[in-house]
C-alpha atoms as a PDB file:
ATOM      1  CA  UNK A   1       0.000   0.000   0.000  1.00  0.00           C
ATOM      2  CA  UNK A   2       2.778   2.419  -0.900  1.00  0.00           C
ATOM      3  CA  UNK A   3       1.859   6.044  -1.534  1.00  0.00           C
ATOM      4  CA  UNK A   4       3.566   8.734  -3.532  1.00  0.00           C
ATOM      5  CA  UNK A   5       5.981  11.152  -1.869  1.00  0.00           C
ATOM      6  CA  UNK A   6       3.300  13.700  -1.064  1.00  0.00           C
ATOM      7  CA  UNK A   7       3.104  15.634   2.187  1.00  0.00           C
ATOM      8  CA  UNK A   8      -0.070  14.881   4.140  1.00  0.00           C
ATOM      9  CA  UNK A   9      -0.723  17.478   6.822  1.00  0.00           C
ATOM     10  CA  UNK A  10      -3.026  17.474   9.846  1.00  0.00           C
ATOM     11  CA  UNK A  11      -5.434  20.211  10.873  1.00  0.00           C
ATOM     12  CA  UNK A  12      -8.309  20.943  13.224  1.00  0.00           C
ATOM     13  CA  UNK A  13     -11.385  23.101  12.740  1.00  0.00           C
ATOM     14  CA  UNK A  14     -13.940  23.757  15.496  1.00  0.00           C
ATOM     15  CA  UNK A  15     -13.355  20.394  17.125  1.00  0.00           C
ATOM     16  CA  UNK A  16     -12.981  18.380  13.893  1.00  0.00           C
ATOM     17  CA  UNK A  17      -9.558  16.908  13.104  1.00  0.00           C
ATOM     18  CA  UNK A  18      -8.625  16.212   9.515  1.00  0.00           C
ATOM     19  CA  UNK A  19      -5.803  15.310   7.170  1.00  0.00           C
ATOM     20  CA  UNK A  20      -5.206  16.866   3.775  1.00  0.00           C
ATOM     21  CA  UNK A  21      -2.887  17.127   0.794  1.00  0.00           C
ATOM     22  CA  UNK A  22      -2.859  19.184  -2.374  1.00  0.00           C
ATOM     23  CA  UNK A  23      -3.256  22.873  -3.285  1.00  0.00           C
ATOM     24  CA  UNK A  24      -5.658  24.772  -0.991  1.00  0.00           C
ATOM     25  CA  UNK A  25      -7.325  26.499  -3.960  1.00  0.00           C
ATOM     26  CA  UNK A  26      -7.925  23.305  -5.976  1.00  0.00           C
ATOM     27  CA  UNK A  27     -11.325  21.613  -6.307  1.00  0.00           C
ATOM     28  CA  UNK A  28     -12.069  19.624  -3.162  1.00  0.00           C
ATOM     29  CA  UNK A  29     -12.214  15.854  -2.788  1.00  0.00           C
ATOM     30  CA  UNK A  30     -13.457  14.961   0.698  1.00  0.00           C
ATOM     31  CA  UNK A  31     -13.217  11.420   2.117  1.00  0.00           C
ATOM     32  CA  UNK A  32     -15.461  10.102   4.903  1.00  0.00           C
ATOM     33  CA  UNK A  33     -14.524   6.889   6.723  1.00  0.00           C
ATOM     34  CA  UNK A  34     -16.679   4.131   8.183  1.00  0.00           C
ATOM     35  CA  UNK A  35     -17.466   3.018  11.732  1.00  0.00           C
ATOM     36  CA  UNK A  36     -14.093   1.376  12.307  1.00  0.00           C
ATOM     37  CA  UNK A  37     -12.012   3.888  10.394  1.00  0.00           C
ATOM     38  CA  UNK A  38     -10.205   7.185  10.751  1.00  0.00           C
ATOM     39  CA  UNK A  39      -8.901   9.982   8.543  1.00  0.00           C
ATOM     40  CA  UNK A  40      -5.527   8.219   8.215  1.00  0.00           C
ATOM     41  CA  UNK A  41      -7.193   5.261   6.502  1.00  0.00           C
ATOM     42  CA  UNK A  42      -7.435   7.556   3.457  1.00  0.00           C
ATOM     43  CA  UNK A  43      -3.749   8.590   3.334  1.00  0.00           C
ATOM     44  CA  UNK A  44      -3.182   6.570   0.160  1.00  0.00           C
ATOM     45  CA  UNK A  45      -5.999   8.425  -1.581  1.00  0.00           C
ATOM     46  CA  UNK A  46      -4.888  11.812  -0.237  1.00  0.00           C
ATOM     47  CA  UNK A  47      -1.466  11.274  -1.809  1.00  0.00           C
ATOM     48  CA  UNK A  48      -2.864   9.795  -5.009  1.00  0.00           C
ATOM     49  CA  UNK A  49      -5.195  12.719  -5.752  1.00  0.00           C
ATOM     50  CA  UNK A  50      -3.202  15.630  -4.319  1.00  0.00           C
ATOM     51  CA  UNK A  51      -1.912  16.628  -7.751  1.00  0.00           C
ATOM     52  CA  UNK A  52      -5.382  17.612  -8.955  1.00  0.00           C
ATOM     53  CA  UNK A  53      -7.450  18.218  -5.832  1.00  0.00           C
ATOM     54  CA  UNK A  54      -7.434  19.585  -2.340  1.00  0.00           C
ATOM     55  CA  UNK A  55      -7.871  16.112  -0.883  1.00  0.00           C
ATOM     56  CA  UNK A  56      -9.283  16.108   2.649  1.00  0.00           C
ATOM     57  CA  UNK A  57     -10.225  13.301   5.061  1.00  0.00           C
ATOM     58  CA  UNK A  58     -11.968  14.029   8.340  1.00  0.00           C
ATOM     59  CA  UNK A  59     -11.968  12.200  11.624  1.00  0.00           C
ATOM     60  CA  UNK A  60     -15.701  11.742  12.155  1.00  0.00           C
ATOM     61  CA  UNK A  61     -16.899  13.255  15.468  1.00  0.00           C
ATOM     62  CA  UNK A  62     -15.665  11.071  18.321  1.00  0.00           C
ATOM     63  CA  UNK A  63     -12.845   9.582  16.218  1.00  0.00           C
ATOM     64  CA  UNK A  64      -9.143  10.413  16.257  1.00  0.00           C
ATOM     65  CA  UNK A  65      -8.705  14.022  17.271  1.00  0.00           C
ATOM     66  CA  UNK A  66     -12.349  15.042  16.760  1.00  0.00           C
ATOM     67  CA  UNK A  67     -14.660  15.912  19.636  1.00  0.00           C
ATOM     68  CA  UNK A  68     -17.709  13.638  20.035  1.00  0.00           C
ATOM     69  CA  UNK A  69     -21.290  14.721  19.509  1.00  0.00           C
ATOM     70  CA  UNK A  70     -23.636  14.801  22.501  1.00  0.00           C
ATOM     71  CA  UNK A  71     -25.940  12.399  20.640  1.00  0.00           C
ATOM     72  CA  UNK A  72     -24.854  10.440  17.566  1.00  0.00           C
ATOM     73  CA  UNK A  73     -27.321  10.296  14.666  1.00  0.00           C
ATOM     74  CA  UNK A  74     -26.795  10.239  10.907  1.00  0.00           C
ATOM     75  CA  UNK A  75     -28.535  13.606  10.685  1.00  0.00           C
ATOM     76  CA  UNK A  76     -26.291  15.034  13.407  1.00  0.00           C
ATOM     77  CA  UNK A  77     -23.156  13.735  11.693  1.00  0.00           C
ATOM     78  CA  UNK A  78     -24.337  15.281   8.409  1.00  0.00           C
ATOM     79  CA  UNK A  79     -24.873  18.607  10.162  1.00  0.00           C
ATOM     80  CA  UNK A  80     -21.346  18.402  11.585  1.00  0.00           C
ATOM     81  CA  UNK A  81     -20.008  17.663   8.104  1.00  0.00           C
ATOM     82  CA  UNK A  82     -21.871  20.603   6.562  1.00  0.00           C
ATOM     83  CA  UNK A  83     -20.342  22.948   9.126  1.00  0.00           C
ATOM     84  CA  UNK A  84     -16.898  21.463   8.541  1.00  0.00           C
ATOM     85  CA  UNK A  85     -17.151  21.953   4.776  1.00  0.00           C
ATOM     86  CA  UNK A  86     -18.274  25.555   5.232  1.00  0.00           C
ATOM     87  CA  UNK A  87     -15.410  26.392   7.588  1.00  0.00           C
ATOM     88  CA  UNK A  88     -12.802  25.005   5.203  1.00  0.00           C
ATOM     89  CA  UNK A  89     -14.322  27.110   2.383  1.00  0.00           C
ATOM     90  CA  UNK A  90     -14.002  24.259  -0.080  1.00  0.00           C
ATOM     91  CA  UNK A  91     -15.032  24.666  -3.705  1.00  0.00           C
ATOM     92  CA  UNK A  92     -16.453  22.302  -6.336  1.00  0.00           C
ATOM     93  CA  UNK A  93     -16.591  19.603  -3.689  1.00  0.00           C
ATOM     94  CA  UNK A  94     -16.811  15.893  -4.449  1.00  0.00           C
ATOM     95  CA  UNK A  95     -17.817  13.833  -1.399  1.00  0.00           C
ATOM     96  CA  UNK A  96     -16.547  10.252  -1.119  1.00  0.00           C
ATOM     97  CA  UNK A  97     -18.371   8.392   1.646  1.00  0.00           C
ATOM     98  CA  UNK A  98     -17.552   4.845   2.718  1.00  0.00           C
ATOM     99  CA  UNK A  99     -20.082   2.751   4.687  1.00  0.00           C
ATOM    100  CA  UNK A 100     -21.628   5.059   7.313  1.00  0.00           C
ATOM    101  CA  UNK A 101     -19.726   7.848   5.567  1.00  0.00           C
ATOM    102  CA  UNK A 102     -21.848   7.082   2.505  1.00  0.00           C
ATOM    103  CA  UNK A 103     -24.979   7.363   4.618  1.00  0.00           C
ATOM    104  CA  UNK A 104     -23.823  10.798   5.771  1.00  0.00           C
ATOM    105  CA  UNK A 105     -23.290  11.793   2.134  1.00  0.00           C
ATOM    106  CA  UNK A 106     -26.828  10.670   1.293  1.00  0.00           C
ATOM    107  CA  UNK A 107     -28.161  12.787   4.155  1.00  0.00           C
ATOM    108  CA  UNK A 108     -26.285  15.813   2.788  1.00  0.00           C
ATOM    109  CA  UNK A 109     -27.596  15.140  -0.725  1.00  0.00           C
ATOM    110  CA  UNK A 110     -31.156  14.905   0.564  1.00  0.00           C
ATOM    111  CA  UNK A 111     -31.027  17.987   2.791  1.00  0.00           C
ATOM    112  CA  UNK A 112     -28.278  20.353   1.591  1.00  0.00           C
ATOM    113  CA  UNK A 113     -26.698  19.507  -1.772  1.00  0.00           C
ATOM    114  CA  UNK A 114     -25.761  23.092  -2.656  1.00  0.00           C
ATOM    115  CA  UNK A 115     -22.119  23.517  -3.640  1.00  0.00           C
ATOM    116  CA  UNK A 116     -21.505  19.825  -4.281  1.00  0.00           C
ATOM    117  CA  UNK A 117     -20.023  18.852  -7.624  1.00  0.00           C
ATOM    118  CA  UNK A 118     -20.482  15.090  -7.330  1.00  0.00           C
ATOM    119  CA  UNK A 119     -20.749  12.197  -4.885  1.00  0.00           C
ATOM    120  CA  UNK A 120     -19.279   8.721  -4.468  1.00  0.00           C
ATOM    121  CA  UNK A 121     -21.239   6.201  -2.401  1.00  0.00           C
ATOM    122  CA  UNK A 122     -18.733   3.467  -1.593  1.00  0.00           C
ATOM    123  CA  UNK A 123     -19.866   0.192  -0.050  1.00  0.00           C
ATOM    124  CA  UNK A 124     -22.786   1.718   1.741  1.00  0.00           C
ATOM    125  CA  UNK A 125     -26.573   1.421   1.889  1.00  0.00           C
ATOM    126  CA  UNK A 126     -29.620   3.609   1.514  1.00  0.00           C
ATOM    127  CA  UNK A 127     -31.306   1.916   4.466  1.00  0.00           C
ATOM    128  CA  UNK A 128     -30.467  -0.025   7.600  1.00  0.00           C
ATOM    129  CA  UNK A 129     -34.061  -0.821   8.419  1.00  0.00           C
ATOM    130  CA  UNK A 130     -36.409  -0.610  11.349  1.00  0.00           C
ATOM    131  CA  UNK A 131     -34.874  -0.603  14.839  1.00  0.00           C
ATOM    132  CA  UNK A 132     -36.872  -3.629  16.021  1.00  0.00           C
ATOM    133  CA  UNK A 133     -36.155  -5.822  12.993  1.00  0.00           C
ATOM    134  CA  UNK A 134     -34.708  -9.284  13.611  1.00  0.00           C
ATOM    135  CA  UNK A 135     -31.799  -8.786  11.192  1.00  0.00           C
ATOM    136  CA  UNK A 136     -31.024  -5.368  12.620  1.00  0.00           C
ATOM    137  CA  UNK A 137     -31.030  -6.650  16.199  1.00  0.00           C
ATOM    138  CA  UNK A 138     -28.802  -9.572  15.207  1.00  0.00           C
ATOM    139  CA  UNK A 139     -26.374  -7.134  13.578  1.00  0.00           C
ATOM    140  CA  UNK A 140     -26.210  -4.968  16.695  1.00  0.00           C
ATOM    141  CA  UNK A 141     -25.741  -8.025  18.905  1.00  0.00           C
ATOM    142  CA  UNK A 142     -22.895  -9.299  16.717  1.00  0.00           C
ATOM    143  CA  UNK A 143     -21.122  -5.947  16.850  1.00  0.00           C
ATOM    144  CA  UNK A 144     -21.721  -5.033  20.491  1.00  0.00           C
ATOM    145  CA  UNK A 145     -22.170  -8.432  22.168  1.00  0.00           C
ATOM    146  CA  UNK A 146     -18.421  -9.132  22.530  1.00  0.00           C
ATOM    147  CA  UNK A 147     -17.939  -5.706  24.113  1.00  0.00           C
ATOM    148  CA  UNK A 148     -20.813  -6.400  26.516  1.00  0.00           C
ATOM    149  CA  UNK A 149     -19.046  -9.631  27.436  1.00  0.00           C
ATOM    150  CA  UNK A 150     -15.915  -7.744  28.426  1.00  0.00           C
ATOM    151  CA  UNK A 151     -13.737  -7.787  25.300  1.00  0.00           C
ATOM    152  CA  UNK A 152     -12.053  -4.596  24.097  1.00  0.00           C
ATOM    153  CA  UNK A 153     -11.836  -3.181  20.591  1.00  0.00           C
ATOM    154  CA  UNK A 154      -8.047  -3.695  20.476  1.00  0.00           C
ATOM    155  CA  UNK A 155      -8.708  -7.358  21.268  1.00  0.00           C
ATOM    156  CA  UNK A 156     -11.467  -7.624  18.664  1.00  0.00           C
ATOM    157  CA  UNK A 157      -9.931  -5.542  15.866  1.00  0.00           C
ATOM    158  CA  UNK A 158      -8.106  -8.355  14.078  1.00  0.00           C
ATOM    159  CA  UNK A 159     -11.184 -10.555  13.931  1.00  0.00           C
ATOM    160  CA  UNK A 160     -13.526  -7.756  12.871  1.00  0.00           C
ATOM    161  CA  UNK A 161     -11.279  -6.651  10.020  1.00  0.00           C
ATOM    162  CA  UNK A 162     -10.663 -10.247   8.907  1.00  0.00           C
ATOM    163  CA  UNK A 163     -14.427 -10.673   8.441  1.00  0.00           C
ATOM    164  CA  UNK A 164     -14.658  -7.463   6.393  1.00  0.00           C
ATOM    165  CA  UNK A 165     -11.912  -7.911   3.809  1.00  0.00           C
ATOM    166  CA  UNK A 166     -11.843  -9.955   0.619  1.00  0.00           C
ATOM    167  CA  UNK A 167      -9.397 -12.643  -0.495  1.00  0.00           C
ATOM    168  CA  UNK A 168      -6.922 -10.347  -2.260  1.00  0.00           C
ATOM    169  CA  UNK A 169      -6.538  -7.673   0.418  1.00  0.00           C
ATOM    170  CA  UNK A 170      -3.280  -5.714   0.598  1.00  0.00           C
ATOM    171  CA  UNK A 171      -1.472  -6.680   3.846  1.00  0.00           C
ATOM    172  CA  UNK A 172      -0.395  -3.113   4.602  1.00  0.00           C
ATOM    173  CA  UNK A 173      -3.925  -1.846   4.097  1.00  0.00           C
ATOM    174  CA  UNK A 174      -5.323  -4.567   6.345  1.00  0.00           C
ATOM    175  CA  UNK A 175      -2.789  -3.721   9.055  1.00  0.00           C
ATOM    176  CA  UNK A 176      -3.761  -0.055   8.892  1.00  0.00           C
ATOM    177  CA  UNK A 177      -7.456  -0.949   9.049  1.00  0.00           C
ATOM    178  CA  UNK A 178      -6.802  -3.053  12.168  1.00  0.00           C
ATOM    179  CA  UNK A 179      -4.894  -0.213  13.805  1.00  0.00           C
ATOM    180  CA  UNK A 180      -7.700   2.244  13.064  1.00  0.00           C
ATOM    181  CA  UNK A 181     -10.342  -0.163  14.419  1.00  0.00           C
ATOM    182  CA  UNK A 182      -8.333  -0.768  17.587  1.00  0.00           C
ATOM    183  CA  UNK A 183      -8.033   2.972  18.208  1.00  0.00           C
ATOM    184  CA  UNK A 184     -11.782   3.763  18.104  1.00  0.00           C
ATOM    185  CA  UNK A 185     -13.023   4.697  21.585  1.00  0.00           C
ATOM    186  CA  UNK A 186     -15.519   2.096  22.776  1.00  0.00           C
ATOM    187  CA  UNK A 187     -18.193   4.662  23.568  1.00  0.00           C
ATOM    188  CA  UNK A 188     -17.868   6.145  20.083  1.00  0.00           C
ATOM    189  CA  UNK A 189     -18.076   2.719  18.475  1.00  0.00           C
ATOM    190  CA  UNK A 190     -21.189   1.779  20.430  1.00  0.00           C
ATOM    191  CA  UNK A 191     -22.951   5.067  19.706  1.00  0.00           C
ATOM    192  CA  UNK A 192     -22.109   5.012  16.002  1.00  0.00           C
ATOM    193  CA  UNK A 193     -23.264   1.420  15.531  1.00  0.00           C
ATOM    194  CA  UNK A 194     -26.576   2.305  17.180  1.00  0.00           C
ATOM    195  CA  UNK A 195     -26.909   5.388  14.955  1.00  0.00           C
ATOM    196  CA  UNK A 196     -27.544   3.006  12.049  1.00  0.00           C
ATOM    197  CA  UNK A 197     -30.871   1.941  13.500  1.00  0.00           C
ATOM    198  CA  UNK A 198     -33.801   3.375  11.603  1.00  0.00           C
ATOM    199  CA  UNK A 199     -31.718   4.950   8.825  1.00  0.00           C
ATOM    200  CA  UNK A 200     -33.699   4.917   5.578  1.00  0.00           C
ATOM    201  CA  UNK A 201     -33.223   7.324   2.674  1.00  0.00           C
ATOM    202  CA  UNK A 202     -34.402   5.021  -0.112  1.00  0.00           C
ATOM    203  CA  UNK A 203     -37.161   7.446  -1.043  1.00  0.00           C
ATOM    204  CA  UNK A 204     -34.575  10.213  -1.511  1.00  0.00           C
ATOM    205  CA  UNK A 205     -32.477   8.332  -4.100  1.00  0.00           C
ATOM    206  CA  UNK A 206     -34.487   9.458  -7.172  1.00  0.00           C
ATOM    207  CA  UNK A 207     -34.007  13.062  -6.080  1.00  0.00           C
ATOM    208  CA  UNK A 208     -30.191  12.984  -6.095  1.00  0.00           C
ATOM    209  CA  UNK A 209     -29.260  15.602  -8.676  1.00  0.00           C
ATOM    210  CA  UNK A 210     -25.449  15.504  -8.797  1.00  0.00           C
ATOM    211  CA  UNK A 211     -23.294  13.023 -10.747  1.00  0.00           C
ATOM    212  CA  UNK A 212     -22.932   9.938  -8.550  1.00  0.00           C
ATOM    213  CA  UNK A 213     -20.740   6.856  -8.525  1.00  0.00           C
ATOM    214  CA  UNK A 214     -21.997   3.826  -6.599  1.00  0.00           C
ATOM    215  CA  UNK A 215     -18.996   1.618  -5.828  1.00  0.00           C
ATOM    216  CA  UNK A 216     -19.322  -1.968  -4.562  1.00  0.00           C
ATOM    217  CA  UNK A 217     -17.016  -4.850  -3.675  1.00  0.00           C
ATOM    218  CA  UNK A 218     -17.741  -8.343  -4.983  1.00  0.00           C
ATOM    219  CA  UNK A 219     -17.001  -9.961  -1.599  1.00  0.00           C
ATOM    220  CA  UNK A 220     -18.681  -7.338   0.579  1.00  0.00           C
ATOM    221  CA  UNK A 221     -21.301  -8.929   2.835  1.00  0.00           C
ATOM    222  CA  UNK A 222     -22.111  -5.689   4.705  1.00  0.00           C
ATOM    223  CA  UNK A 223     -23.126  -3.809   1.553  1.00  0.00           C
ATOM    224  CA  UNK A 224     -23.668  -6.577  -1.018  1.00  0.00           C
ATOM    225  CA  UNK A 225     -22.961  -5.724  -4.642  1.00  0.00           C
ATOM    226  CA  UNK A 226     -26.442  -6.741  -5.787  1.00  0.00           C
ATOM    227  CA  UNK A 227     -28.023  -4.362  -3.277  1.00  0.00           C
ATOM    228  CA  UNK A 228     -25.715  -1.541  -4.317  1.00  0.00           C
ATOM    229  CA  UNK A 229     -26.473  -2.100  -7.980  1.00  0.00           C
ATOM    230  CA  UNK A 230     -30.205  -1.743  -7.281  1.00  0.00           C
ATOM    231  CA  UNK A 231     -29.392   1.400  -5.312  1.00  0.00           C
ATOM    232  CA  UNK A 232     -27.540   2.838  -8.322  1.00  0.00           C
ATOM    233  CA  UNK A 233     -30.510   2.098 -10.569  1.00  0.00           C
ATOM    234  CA  UNK A 234     -32.684   4.389  -8.436  1.00  0.00           C
ATOM    235  CA  UNK A 235     -30.298   7.359  -8.717  1.00  0.00           C
ATOM    236  CA  UNK A 236     -30.772   9.290 -11.989  1.00  0.00           C
ATOM    237  CA  UNK A 237     -27.753   8.840 -14.247  1.00  0.00           C
ATOM    238  CA  UNK A 238     -25.634   7.130 -11.583  1.00  0.00           C
ATOM    239  CA  UNK A 239     -22.566   5.136 -12.554  1.00  0.00           C
ATOM    240  CA  UNK A 240     -22.048   1.734 -10.943  1.00  0.00           C
ATOM    241  CA  UNK A 241     -18.842  -0.262 -10.526  1.00  0.00           C
ATOM    242  CA  UNK A 242     -17.987  -3.427  -8.630  1.00  0.00           C
ATOM    243  CA  UNK A 243     -14.385  -4.183  -7.631  1.00  0.00           C
ATOM    244  CA  UNK A 244     -13.647  -7.920  -7.983  1.00  0.00           C
ATOM    245  CA  UNK A 245     -12.151  -9.784  -5.040  1.00  0.00           C
ATOM    246  CA  UNK A 246     -12.851  -6.871  -2.697  1.00  0.00           C
ATOM    247  CA  UNK A 247     -14.620  -6.913   0.653  1.00  0.00           C
ATOM    248  CA  UNK A 248     -15.964  -3.978   2.645  1.00  0.00           C
ATOM    249  CA  UNK A 249     -12.768  -1.921   2.975  1.00  0.00           C
ATOM    250  CA  UNK A 250     -11.977  -1.309  -0.686  1.00  0.00           C
ATOM    251  CA  UNK A 251      -9.797   1.788  -0.369  1.00  0.00           C
ATOM    252  CA  UNK A 252      -7.469  -0.029   2.059  1.00  0.00           C
ATOM    253  CA  UNK A 253      -7.763  -3.548   0.604  1.00  0.00           C
ATOM    254  CA  UNK A 254      -7.236  -2.692  -3.049  1.00  0.00           C
ATOM    255  CA  UNK A 255      -6.140   0.951  -3.166  1.00  0.00           C
ATOM    256  CA  UNK A 256      -5.020   0.869  -6.804  1.00  0.00           C
ATOM    257  CA  UNK A 257      -8.363  -0.508  -8.000  1.00  0.00           C
ATOM    258  CA  UNK A 258     -10.302   1.905  -5.780  1.00  0.00           C
ATOM    259  CA  UNK A 259      -8.246   4.860  -7.028  1.00  0.00           C
ATOM    260  CA  UNK A 260      -8.693   3.807 -10.658  1.00  0.00           C
ATOM    261  CA  UNK A 261     -12.480   3.619 -10.312  1.00  0.00           C
ATOM    262  CA  UNK A 262     -12.585   6.986  -8.572  1.00  0.00           C
ATOM    263  CA  UNK A 263     -10.230   8.598 -11.091  1.00  0.00           C
ATOM    264  CA  UNK A 264     -12.304   7.327 -14.007  1.00  0.00           C
ATOM    265  CA  UNK A 265     -15.448   8.814 -12.507  1.00  0.00           C
ATOM    266  CA  UNK A 266     -13.752  12.150 -11.790  1.00  0.00           C
ATOM    267  CA  UNK A 267     -12.366  12.294 -15.338  1.00  0.00           C
ATOM    268  CA  UNK A 268     -15.862  11.791 -16.727  1.00  0.00           C
ATOM    269  CA  UNK A 269     -17.093  14.849 -14.845  1.00  0.00           C
ATOM    270  CA  UNK A 270     -15.128  17.108 -17.199  1.00  0.00           C
ATOM    271  CA  UNK A 271     -15.986  15.204 -20.350  1.00  0.00           C
ATOM    272  CA  UNK A 272     -18.439  16.903 -22.776  1.00  0.00           C
ATOM    273  CA  UNK A 273     -21.839  15.265 -22.554  1.00  0.00           C
ATOM    274  CA  UNK A 274     -21.243  13.877 -19.073  1.00  0.00           C
ATOM    275  CA  UNK A 275     -23.831  14.022 -16.306  1.00  0.00           C
ATOM    276  CA  UNK A 276     -22.011  17.034 -14.914  1.00  0.00           C
ATOM    277  CA  UNK A 277     -22.990  18.967 -18.038  1.00  0.00           C
ATOM    278  CA  UNK A 278     -26.661  18.211 -17.439  1.00  0.00           C
END
């Protein structure tokens, strides 16, 4: 998982920590991690895209150096993101959201899409389902049960990540994913997992009005490719791609393939006749 010799710097804005690379006046490419992630899980992408973009990755509230929210909800996280984007005065912003980060992007698209150039929904879902559903309760129990039994996230990180990745995962990327998972505060992890309950923006998909890439992994059981393909079909003009041999952590597992898919989508934005031209 080697990255180019690009300087990645750290910053903090009103309680939100972030990492960035690239010219400050370039179009913005903003990366949002998942429940077990952190801003540093995007360092490969920050370096890869710094030549063309102001590439930024935040630590979601409660993660890394970012202050936690009083109550964690998808809507609250989206509000925090909107404030963060405003304070950084980003322009022509493309949001890249992975897993719960993709849910936050959907919330932004549904409530406040102004100023966004495009969106990437990576290995995410438009709905988690009703809070009292059997599948949903089983999911919560699987994620939080070991913690209730006394295990810690550092103890569980290896096993959690092993279940998420596909058969061809980059060892360095997997090691970084494990380190990020192990560093998540337990209270943050619990609150963010529970924030999934009741999330449902399926009805908002047809109203997404910016160019969108829906990106799946063929071995992802959290956000199955077939489900993501149906999601893409409900978004007007959306592009869909599935990365073979990839589990749920595509940008860390197969960074070159992830970057290539993202770069192809970004290149199409400037092509005459693309969705970006209406």
